[in-house]
């Protein structure tokens, strides 16, 4: 019997479908749901830009971290590619990560999940997801088949494949 679900999200459409499925299961089984995100500190600027553009999160990150980014669309590359200082960039990435899990948590609650917690981790995506599941006491992980970094995953193997191979609990992969 499943007693706790961790759903991993990176803000992509596939991750949104994973959140929907996990929330539906958590609601039907009346069990806790943890929404987790691994901060993308090591991600390439193009991947971070795609995430920020899709979710309109740069504006939120700039506001939360008090960054002076006057013209957000023209400064996304500056924000994520190194023109902004290391500390400011780290704070912005953390703010984006927090906003991703907070939006997913609200979506899960709207879908009927009663007990929803959030976690944000650092590190490799697959290791971060596995550690969050362990820390949360999750006995099921729900994850999207492909996230934001589609091309990179083709060459390195997908995060969902690695999680599925290494997890000590049930893993549901959403397409």
N, C-alpha and C. Protein backbone atom coordinates (compact mmCIF):
# COMPACT_ATOMS: atom_id res chain seq x y z
N UNK A 1 0.85 -1.18 0.00
CA UNK A 1 0.00 0.00 0.00
C UNK A 1 0.89 1.24 0.00
N UNK A 2 0.59 2.16 -0.87
CA UNK A 2 1.34 3.40 -0.97
C UNK A 2 0.90 4.32 0.18
N UNK A 3 1.89 4.91 0.86
CA UNK A 3 1.60 5.76 2.01
C UNK A 3 2.06 7.20 1.84
N UNK A 4 2.96 7.45 0.87
CA UNK A 4 3.47 8.80 0.65
C UNK A 4 4.05 8.87 -0.76
N UNK A 5 3.70 9.93 -1.49
CA UNK A 5 4.16 10.11 -2.87
C UNK A 5 5.06 11.33 -2.96
N UNK A 6 6.16 11.19 -3.69
CA UNK A 6 6.99 12.32 -4.09
C UNK A 6 6.79 12.51 -5.57
N UNK A 7 6.47 13.73 -6.00
CA UNK A 7 6.42 14.05 -7.41
C UNK A 7 7.52 15.06 -7.69
N UNK A 8 8.32 14.76 -8.71
CA UNK A 8 9.42 15.64 -9.10
C UNK A 8 8.95 16.54 -10.23
N UNK A 9 9.30 17.82 -10.13
CA UNK A 9 8.90 18.76 -11.17
C UNK A 9 10.04 19.69 -11.53
N UNK A 10 10.11 20.02 -12.81
CA UNK A 10 11.06 21.04 -13.27
C UNK A 10 10.32 22.19 -13.95
N UNK A 11 8.99 22.19 -13.84
CA UNK A 11 8.19 23.24 -14.43
C UNK A 11 7.78 22.97 -15.87
N UNK A 12 8.20 21.84 -16.44
CA UNK A 12 7.86 21.52 -17.83
C UNK A 12 6.43 21.01 -17.92
N UNK A 13 5.91 20.91 -19.14
CA UNK A 13 4.57 20.39 -19.36
C UNK A 13 4.46 18.94 -18.88
N UNK A 14 5.47 18.14 -19.16
CA UNK A 14 5.45 16.74 -18.73
C UNK A 14 5.44 16.66 -17.21
N UNK A 15 6.20 17.49 -16.56
CA UNK A 15 6.21 17.52 -15.10
C UNK A 15 4.84 17.94 -14.57
N UNK A 16 4.18 18.84 -15.27
CA UNK A 16 2.82 19.24 -14.88
C UNK A 16 1.86 18.06 -14.92
N UNK A 17 2.01 17.23 -15.94
CA UNK A 17 1.17 16.03 -16.01
C UNK A 17 1.50 15.06 -14.88
N UNK A 18 2.78 14.99 -14.50
CA UNK A 18 3.17 14.15 -13.37
C UNK A 18 2.55 14.67 -12.07
N UNK A 19 2.54 15.98 -11.89
CA UNK A 19 1.93 16.58 -10.70
C UNK A 19 0.43 16.26 -10.68
N UNK A 20 -0.24 16.37 -11.82
CA UNK A 20 -1.66 16.06 -11.89
C UNK A 20 -1.94 14.61 -11.49
N UNK A 21 -1.16 13.69 -12.02
CA UNK A 21 -1.35 12.27 -11.69
C UNK A 21 -1.08 12.01 -10.21
N UNK A 22 0.03 12.54 -9.71
CA UNK A 22 0.39 12.32 -8.31
C UNK A 22 -0.66 12.93 -7.38
N UNK A 23 -1.16 14.11 -7.71
CA UNK A 23 -2.18 14.75 -6.90
C UNK A 23 -3.46 13.94 -6.89
N UNK A 24 -3.85 13.42 -8.04
CA UNK A 24 -5.04 12.58 -8.12
C UNK A 24 -4.91 11.32 -7.28
N UNK A 25 -3.74 10.69 -7.34
CA UNK A 25 -3.50 9.50 -6.52
C UNK A 25 -3.50 9.83 -5.04
N UNK A 26 -2.84 10.92 -4.68
CA UNK A 26 -2.78 11.32 -3.27
C UNK A 26 -4.18 11.63 -2.75
N UNK A 27 -5.00 12.27 -3.57
CA UNK A 27 -6.37 12.59 -3.16
C UNK A 27 -7.20 11.33 -2.97
N UNK A 28 -7.11 10.42 -3.94
CA UNK A 28 -7.91 9.19 -3.87
C UNK A 28 -7.48 8.28 -2.73
N UNK A 29 -6.17 8.22 -2.48
CA UNK A 29 -5.66 7.35 -1.41
C UNK A 29 -5.61 8.06 -0.06
N UNK A 30 -5.90 9.37 -0.07
CA UNK A 30 -5.84 10.20 1.14
C UNK A 30 -4.49 10.06 1.85
N UNK A 31 -3.43 10.30 1.07
CA UNK A 31 -2.07 10.20 1.60
C UNK A 31 -1.31 11.49 1.32
N UNK A 32 -0.22 11.72 2.03
CA UNK A 32 0.58 12.93 1.80
C UNK A 32 1.30 12.91 0.45
N UNK A 33 1.47 14.09 -0.09
CA UNK A 33 2.19 14.30 -1.34
C UNK A 33 3.30 15.32 -1.09
N UNK A 34 4.49 15.00 -1.54
CA UNK A 34 5.59 15.96 -1.49
C UNK A 34 5.95 16.34 -2.93
N UNK A 35 6.01 17.63 -3.19
CA UNK A 35 6.41 18.15 -4.49
C UNK A 35 7.87 18.55 -4.38
N UNK A 36 8.72 17.99 -5.23
CA UNK A 36 10.15 18.26 -5.15
C UNK A 36 10.72 18.82 -6.44
N UNK A 37 11.75 19.62 -6.27
CA UNK A 37 12.47 20.21 -7.42
C UNK A 37 13.96 20.23 -7.09
N UNK A 38 14.77 19.85 -8.05
CA UNK A 38 16.22 19.93 -7.90
C UNK A 38 16.67 21.21 -8.59
N UNK A 39 17.31 22.08 -7.82
CA UNK A 39 17.77 23.36 -8.37
C UNK A 39 18.72 23.13 -9.53
N UNK A 40 18.59 23.94 -10.54
CA UNK A 40 19.31 23.73 -11.78
C UNK A 40 20.55 24.60 -11.87
N UNK A 41 21.36 24.56 -10.82
CA UNK A 41 22.58 25.37 -10.79
C UNK A 41 23.56 24.97 -11.89
N UNK A 42 23.61 23.71 -12.23
CA UNK A 42 24.55 23.25 -13.24
C UNK A 42 24.00 23.22 -14.64
N UNK A 43 22.75 23.62 -14.80
CA UNK A 43 22.12 23.55 -16.12
C UNK A 43 22.71 24.60 -17.05
N UNK A 44 22.61 24.30 -18.31
CA UNK A 44 23.08 25.25 -19.32
C UNK A 44 22.12 26.44 -19.38
N UNK A 45 22.64 27.58 -19.78
CA UNK A 45 21.84 28.81 -19.84
C UNK A 45 20.60 28.63 -20.72
N UNK A 46 20.74 27.90 -21.83
CA UNK A 46 19.60 27.71 -22.73
C UNK A 46 18.48 26.96 -22.03
N UNK A 47 18.81 25.96 -21.22
CA UNK A 47 17.81 25.18 -20.50
C UNK A 47 17.12 26.05 -19.45
N UNK A 48 17.88 26.85 -18.73
CA UNK A 48 17.30 27.74 -17.73
C UNK A 48 16.42 28.80 -18.39
N UNK A 49 16.87 29.31 -19.53
CA UNK A 49 16.06 30.29 -20.26
C UNK A 49 14.73 29.69 -20.67
N UNK A 50 14.76 28.45 -21.18
CA UNK A 50 13.53 27.78 -21.60
C UNK A 50 12.58 27.66 -20.42
N UNK A 51 13.10 27.26 -19.26
CA UNK A 51 12.28 27.14 -18.06
C UNK A 51 11.70 28.50 -17.68
N UNK A 52 12.51 29.51 -17.68
CA UNK A 52 12.05 30.84 -17.28
C UNK A 52 11.02 31.39 -18.25
N UNK A 53 11.22 31.19 -19.54
CA UNK A 53 10.28 31.70 -20.53
C UNK A 53 8.96 30.97 -20.42
N UNK A 54 8.99 29.66 -20.29
CA UNK A 54 7.76 28.88 -20.23
C UNK A 54 6.96 29.26 -19.00
N UNK A 55 7.60 29.41 -17.89
CA UNK A 55 6.90 29.66 -16.63
C UNK A 55 6.83 31.14 -16.25
N UNK A 56 7.45 32.00 -17.03
CA UNK A 56 7.48 33.44 -16.71
C UNK A 56 8.04 33.66 -15.30
N UNK A 57 9.10 32.95 -14.99
CA UNK A 57 9.62 32.96 -13.63
C UNK A 57 10.75 33.95 -13.41
N UNK A 58 11.33 34.48 -14.45
CA UNK A 58 12.43 35.42 -14.26
C UNK A 58 11.95 36.66 -13.52
N UNK A 59 10.78 37.15 -13.90
CA UNK A 59 10.22 38.34 -13.24
C UNK A 59 10.04 38.06 -11.74
N UNK A 60 9.52 36.87 -11.42
CA UNK A 60 9.34 36.50 -10.01
C UNK A 60 10.69 36.41 -9.31
N UNK A 61 11.66 35.77 -9.94
CA UNK A 61 12.98 35.60 -9.32
C UNK A 61 13.64 36.96 -9.10
N UNK A 62 13.52 37.85 -10.06
CA UNK A 62 14.11 39.18 -9.92
C UNK A 62 13.47 39.93 -8.75
N UNK A 63 12.15 39.81 -8.64
CA UNK A 63 11.44 40.49 -7.54
C UNK A 63 11.85 39.89 -6.19
N UNK A 64 11.88 38.56 -6.09
CA UNK A 64 12.20 37.89 -4.83
C UNK A 64 13.63 38.14 -4.37
N UNK A 65 14.53 38.34 -5.30
CA UNK A 65 15.94 38.50 -4.94
C UNK A 65 16.41 39.94 -5.04
N UNK A 66 15.48 40.85 -5.35
CA UNK A 66 15.79 42.27 -5.49
C UNK A 66 16.84 42.54 -6.55
N UNK A 67 16.82 41.74 -7.62
CA UNK A 67 17.74 42.00 -8.73
C UNK A 67 17.20 43.18 -9.54
N UNK A 68 18.09 44.00 -10.04
CA UNK A 68 17.69 45.12 -10.87
C UNK A 68 17.74 44.69 -12.32
N UNK A 69 16.66 44.07 -12.78
CA UNK A 69 16.57 43.61 -14.15
C UNK A 69 15.44 44.40 -14.79
N UNK A 70 15.79 45.51 -15.40
CA UNK A 70 14.79 46.44 -15.91
C UNK A 70 13.96 45.86 -17.04
N UNK A 71 14.61 45.26 -18.02
CA UNK A 71 13.90 44.73 -19.18
C UNK A 71 14.06 43.22 -19.17
N UNK A 72 13.17 42.52 -18.49
CA UNK A 72 13.30 41.10 -18.25
C UNK A 72 13.57 40.29 -19.52
N UNK A 73 12.76 40.39 -20.59
CA UNK A 73 13.01 39.53 -21.74
C UNK A 73 14.40 39.68 -22.33
N UNK A 74 14.94 40.88 -22.38
CA UNK A 74 16.27 41.03 -22.97
C UNK A 74 17.38 40.67 -22.00
N UNK A 75 17.05 40.46 -20.74
CA UNK A 75 18.07 40.16 -19.75
C UNK A 75 18.06 38.72 -19.25
N UNK A 76 17.23 37.84 -19.84
CA UNK A 76 17.23 36.45 -19.40
C UNK A 76 18.61 35.83 -19.57
N UNK A 77 19.22 36.07 -20.73
CA UNK A 77 20.57 35.52 -20.92
C UNK A 77 21.54 36.09 -19.90
N UNK A 78 21.43 37.37 -19.60
CA UNK A 78 22.31 37.98 -18.60
C UNK A 78 22.08 37.33 -17.24
N UNK A 79 20.82 37.06 -16.92
CA UNK A 79 20.51 36.48 -15.63
C UNK A 79 21.07 35.07 -15.49
N UNK A 80 21.00 34.27 -16.54
CA UNK A 80 21.37 32.87 -16.41
C UNK A 80 22.70 32.48 -17.05
N UNK A 81 23.34 33.37 -17.80
CA UNK A 81 24.55 32.95 -18.49
C UNK A 81 25.83 33.52 -17.89
N UNK A 82 25.73 34.29 -16.84
CA UNK A 82 26.95 34.70 -16.18
C UNK A 82 27.18 36.18 -16.08
N UNK A 83 26.36 37.03 -16.71
CA UNK A 83 26.56 38.47 -16.60
C UNK A 83 26.18 38.98 -15.21
N UNK A 84 25.35 38.22 -14.51
CA UNK A 84 24.96 38.54 -13.14
C UNK A 84 25.92 37.82 -12.22
N UNK A 85 26.25 38.43 -11.08
CA UNK A 85 27.22 37.83 -10.17
C UNK A 85 26.78 36.44 -9.71
N UNK A 86 27.72 35.63 -9.30
CA UNK A 86 27.44 34.26 -8.87
C UNK A 86 26.41 34.18 -7.76
N UNK A 87 26.53 35.04 -6.76
CA UNK A 87 25.59 35.01 -5.64
C UNK A 87 24.19 35.40 -6.09
N UNK A 88 24.09 36.43 -6.95
CA UNK A 88 22.78 36.84 -7.45
C UNK A 88 22.16 35.75 -8.31
N UNK A 89 22.97 35.10 -9.13
CA UNK A 89 22.48 34.03 -9.98
C UNK A 89 21.97 32.87 -9.12
N UNK A 90 22.72 32.51 -8.08
CA UNK A 90 22.30 31.43 -7.19
C UNK A 90 20.98 31.76 -6.51
N UNK A 91 20.84 33.00 -6.06
CA UNK A 91 19.59 33.42 -5.42
C UNK A 91 18.43 33.38 -6.42
N UNK A 92 18.67 33.80 -7.65
CA UNK A 92 17.62 33.79 -8.66
C UNK A 92 17.20 32.36 -8.99
N UNK A 93 18.16 31.46 -9.14
CA UNK A 93 17.84 30.06 -9.43
C UNK A 93 17.05 29.45 -8.27
N UNK A 94 17.44 29.76 -7.03
CA UNK A 94 16.71 29.26 -5.86
C UNK A 94 15.28 29.80 -5.85
N UNK A 95 15.11 31.09 -6.20
CA UNK A 95 13.77 31.68 -6.22
C UNK A 95 12.90 31.03 -7.30
N UNK A 96 13.50 30.76 -8.46
CA UNK A 96 12.76 30.07 -9.52
C UNK A 96 12.36 28.68 -9.04
N UNK A 97 13.27 27.96 -8.41
CA UNK A 97 12.96 26.62 -7.90
C UNK A 97 11.84 26.63 -6.88
N UNK A 98 11.89 27.59 -5.97
CA UNK A 98 10.82 27.71 -4.96
C UNK A 98 9.49 28.01 -5.62
N UNK A 99 9.50 28.86 -6.62
CA UNK A 99 8.25 29.19 -7.30
C UNK A 99 7.71 27.98 -8.06
N UNK A 100 8.58 27.18 -8.66
CA UNK A 100 8.14 25.97 -9.36
C UNK A 100 7.42 25.04 -8.40
N UNK A 101 8.02 24.75 -7.23
CA UNK A 101 7.36 23.82 -6.30
C UNK A 101 6.11 24.44 -5.70
N UNK A 102 6.11 25.73 -5.44
CA UNK A 102 4.92 26.37 -4.89
C UNK A 102 3.75 26.33 -5.86
N UNK A 103 4.02 26.58 -7.13
CA UNK A 103 2.95 26.50 -8.14
C UNK A 103 2.44 25.07 -8.28
N UNK A 104 3.35 24.12 -8.29
CA UNK A 104 2.94 22.72 -8.40
C UNK A 104 2.15 22.29 -7.17
N UNK A 105 2.55 22.75 -6.00
CA UNK A 105 1.83 22.41 -4.77
C UNK A 105 0.41 22.98 -4.80
N UNK A 106 0.27 24.23 -5.26
CA UNK A 106 -1.07 24.82 -5.38
C UNK A 106 -1.92 24.03 -6.37
N UNK A 107 -1.31 23.62 -7.47
CA UNK A 107 -2.02 22.82 -8.47
C UNK A 107 -2.47 21.49 -7.86
N UNK A 108 -1.60 20.87 -7.09
CA UNK A 108 -1.93 19.59 -6.45
C UNK A 108 -3.07 19.75 -5.46
N UNK A 109 -3.05 20.83 -4.70
CA UNK A 109 -4.13 21.09 -3.75
C UNK A 109 -5.44 21.36 -4.49
N UNK A 110 -5.37 22.09 -5.59
CA UNK A 110 -6.56 22.35 -6.40
C UNK A 110 -7.13 21.04 -6.97
N UNK A 111 -6.26 20.05 -7.19
CA UNK A 111 -6.69 18.76 -7.72
C UNK A 111 -7.19 17.83 -6.62
N UNK A 112 -7.15 18.28 -5.36
CA UNK A 112 -7.71 17.48 -4.29
C UNK A 112 -6.75 16.89 -3.30
N UNK A 113 -5.44 17.02 -3.54
CA UNK A 113 -4.48 16.50 -2.56
C UNK A 113 -4.60 17.32 -1.28
N UNK A 114 -4.74 16.64 -0.15
CA UNK A 114 -5.01 17.35 1.11
C UNK A 114 -3.74 17.77 1.82
N UNK A 115 -2.77 16.89 1.91
CA UNK A 115 -1.53 17.18 2.62
C UNK A 115 -0.41 17.29 1.59
N UNK A 116 0.05 18.51 1.34
CA UNK A 116 1.07 18.75 0.32
C UNK A 116 2.24 19.50 0.94
N UNK A 117 3.42 18.92 0.83
CA UNK A 117 4.65 19.55 1.29
C UNK A 117 5.53 19.83 0.08
N UNK A 118 6.52 20.70 0.25
CA UNK A 118 7.46 20.98 -0.83
C UNK A 118 8.88 20.77 -0.34
N UNK A 119 9.74 20.40 -1.28
CA UNK A 119 11.17 20.24 -1.01
C UNK A 119 11.93 20.75 -2.22
N UNK A 120 13.06 21.39 -1.94
CA UNK A 120 13.96 21.83 -3.00
C UNK A 120 15.34 21.31 -2.61
N UNK A 121 16.03 20.72 -3.59
CA UNK A 121 17.34 20.12 -3.33
C UNK A 121 18.37 20.65 -4.31
N UNK A 122 19.62 20.50 -3.95
CA UNK A 122 20.75 20.78 -4.83
C UNK A 122 21.34 19.47 -5.30
N UNK A 123 22.12 19.53 -6.37
CA UNK A 123 22.84 18.34 -6.81
C UNK A 123 22.38 17.84 -8.16
N UNK A 124 22.82 16.64 -8.49
CA UNK A 124 22.39 16.01 -9.73
C UNK A 124 20.90 15.74 -9.65
N UNK A 125 20.23 15.83 -10.78
CA UNK A 125 18.78 15.67 -10.79
C UNK A 125 18.35 14.32 -10.22
N UNK A 126 18.92 13.25 -10.74
CA UNK A 126 18.47 11.92 -10.30
C UNK A 126 18.82 11.69 -8.83
N UNK A 127 20.02 12.01 -8.41
CA UNK A 127 20.39 11.84 -7.01
C UNK A 127 19.54 12.71 -6.09
N UNK A 128 19.26 13.92 -6.53
CA UNK A 128 18.44 14.83 -5.74
C UNK A 128 17.02 14.29 -5.54
N UNK A 129 16.44 13.76 -6.61
CA UNK A 129 15.09 13.20 -6.52
C UNK A 129 15.09 11.99 -5.60
N UNK A 130 16.06 11.12 -5.75
CA UNK A 130 16.12 9.92 -4.90
C UNK A 130 16.31 10.30 -3.44
N UNK A 131 17.14 11.30 -3.17
CA UNK A 131 17.36 11.72 -1.78
C UNK A 131 16.11 12.38 -1.20
N UNK A 132 15.41 13.19 -2.00
CA UNK A 132 14.18 13.80 -1.52
C UNK A 132 13.14 12.74 -1.18
N UNK A 133 13.04 11.71 -2.02
CA UNK A 133 12.09 10.62 -1.75
C UNK A 133 12.43 9.93 -0.43
N UNK A 134 13.71 9.67 -0.24
CA UNK A 134 14.14 9.01 1.00
C UNK A 134 13.86 9.91 2.22
N UNK A 135 14.23 11.18 2.12
CA UNK A 135 14.03 12.11 3.23
C UNK A 135 12.55 12.29 3.57
N UNK A 136 11.69 12.27 2.54
CA UNK A 136 10.25 12.46 2.75
C UNK A 136 9.57 11.18 3.22
N UNK A 137 10.27 10.05 3.09
CA UNK A 137 9.64 8.78 3.43
C UNK A 137 8.67 8.31 2.36
N UNK A 138 8.91 8.73 1.12
CA UNK A 138 8.01 8.38 0.02
C UNK A 138 8.24 6.94 -0.41
N UNK A 139 7.15 6.25 -0.69
CA UNK A 139 7.25 4.90 -1.22
C UNK A 139 6.77 4.84 -2.67
N UNK A 140 6.56 6.02 -3.26
CA UNK A 140 6.30 6.13 -4.70
C UNK A 140 6.86 7.45 -5.18
N UNK A 141 7.51 7.40 -6.35
CA UNK A 141 8.00 8.60 -7.02
C UNK A 141 7.24 8.72 -8.33
N UNK A 142 6.71 9.90 -8.61
CA UNK A 142 6.07 10.17 -9.89
C UNK A 142 6.94 11.22 -10.58
N UNK A 143 7.29 10.94 -11.83
CA UNK A 143 8.22 11.81 -12.56
C UNK A 143 7.82 11.84 -14.03
N UNK A 144 8.06 12.98 -14.66
CA UNK A 144 7.80 13.09 -16.09
C UNK A 144 8.84 12.35 -16.91
N UNK A 145 8.41 11.84 -18.05
CA UNK A 145 9.31 11.10 -18.94
C UNK A 145 10.44 11.96 -19.47
N UNK A 146 10.12 13.17 -19.85
CA UNK A 146 11.11 14.12 -20.35
C UNK A 146 10.81 15.47 -19.75
N UNK A 147 11.86 16.17 -19.35
CA UNK A 147 11.68 17.50 -18.79
C UNK A 147 12.13 18.55 -19.78
N UNK A 148 12.82 19.54 -19.27
CA UNK A 148 13.20 20.69 -20.08
C UNK A 148 14.41 20.44 -20.96
N UNK A 149 15.33 19.62 -20.54
CA UNK A 149 16.57 19.44 -21.27
C UNK A 149 16.54 18.25 -22.20
N UNK A 150 15.65 18.27 -23.19
CA UNK A 150 15.41 17.10 -24.04
C UNK A 150 16.65 16.64 -24.79
N UNK A 151 17.34 17.53 -25.45
CA UNK A 151 18.50 17.14 -26.25
C UNK A 151 19.61 16.58 -25.38
N UNK A 152 19.88 17.23 -24.27
CA UNK A 152 20.95 16.77 -23.38
C UNK A 152 20.65 15.37 -22.87
N UNK A 153 19.38 15.09 -22.56
CA UNK A 153 19.02 13.80 -21.99
C UNK A 153 19.21 12.66 -23.00
N UNK A 154 19.07 12.97 -24.30
CA UNK A 154 19.26 11.95 -25.32
C UNK A 154 20.68 11.40 -25.24
N UNK A 155 21.63 12.27 -24.99
CA UNK A 155 23.02 11.86 -24.96
C UNK A 155 23.45 11.31 -23.60
N UNK A 156 22.87 11.81 -22.52
CA UNK A 156 23.31 11.41 -21.19
C UNK A 156 22.41 10.39 -20.53
N UNK A 157 21.27 10.07 -21.12
CA UNK A 157 20.30 9.22 -20.46
C UNK A 157 19.36 10.08 -19.64
N UNK A 158 18.11 9.74 -19.64
CA UNK A 158 17.15 10.62 -18.98
C UNK A 158 17.17 10.45 -17.47
N UNK A 159 16.77 11.49 -16.80
CA UNK A 159 16.66 11.48 -15.35
C UNK A 159 15.65 10.42 -14.94
N UNK A 160 14.52 10.35 -15.66
CA UNK A 160 13.49 9.37 -15.30
C UNK A 160 14.03 7.94 -15.41
N UNK A 161 14.86 7.66 -16.40
CA UNK A 161 15.46 6.33 -16.51
C UNK A 161 16.37 6.04 -15.32
N UNK A 162 17.18 7.01 -14.95
CA UNK A 162 18.10 6.81 -13.83
C UNK A 162 17.34 6.63 -12.52
N UNK A 163 16.31 7.44 -12.31
CA UNK A 163 15.50 7.31 -11.09
C UNK A 163 14.84 5.94 -11.06
N UNK A 164 14.28 5.53 -12.19
CA UNK A 164 13.61 4.24 -12.27
C UNK A 164 14.57 3.08 -11.97
N UNK A 165 15.80 3.17 -12.44
CA UNK A 165 16.78 2.11 -12.22
C UNK A 165 17.31 2.09 -10.79
N UNK A 166 17.40 3.25 -10.15
CA UNK A 166 18.07 3.33 -8.86
C UNK A 166 17.14 3.42 -7.65
N UNK A 167 15.87 3.71 -7.88
CA UNK A 167 14.94 3.90 -6.76
C UNK A 167 14.68 2.59 -6.03
N UNK A 168 14.50 2.72 -4.74
CA UNK A 168 14.15 1.57 -3.91
C UNK A 168 12.65 1.47 -3.69
N UNK A 169 11.89 2.28 -4.43
CA UNK A 169 10.44 2.28 -4.28
C UNK A 169 9.82 2.26 -5.69
N UNK A 170 8.51 2.27 -5.73
CA UNK A 170 7.78 2.30 -7.00
C UNK A 170 8.02 3.64 -7.70
N UNK A 171 8.23 3.58 -9.01
CA UNK A 171 8.40 4.79 -9.81
C UNK A 171 7.37 4.76 -10.94
N UNK A 172 6.61 5.83 -11.05
CA UNK A 172 5.65 5.96 -12.13
C UNK A 172 6.17 7.07 -13.03
N UNK A 173 6.33 6.75 -14.31
CA UNK A 173 6.81 7.72 -15.29
C UNK A 173 5.65 8.16 -16.16
N UNK A 174 5.45 9.46 -16.25
CA UNK A 174 4.33 10.04 -16.96
C UNK A 174 4.80 10.57 -18.30
N UNK A 175 4.05 10.30 -19.33
CA UNK A 175 4.38 10.81 -20.67
C UNK A 175 3.53 12.01 -20.99
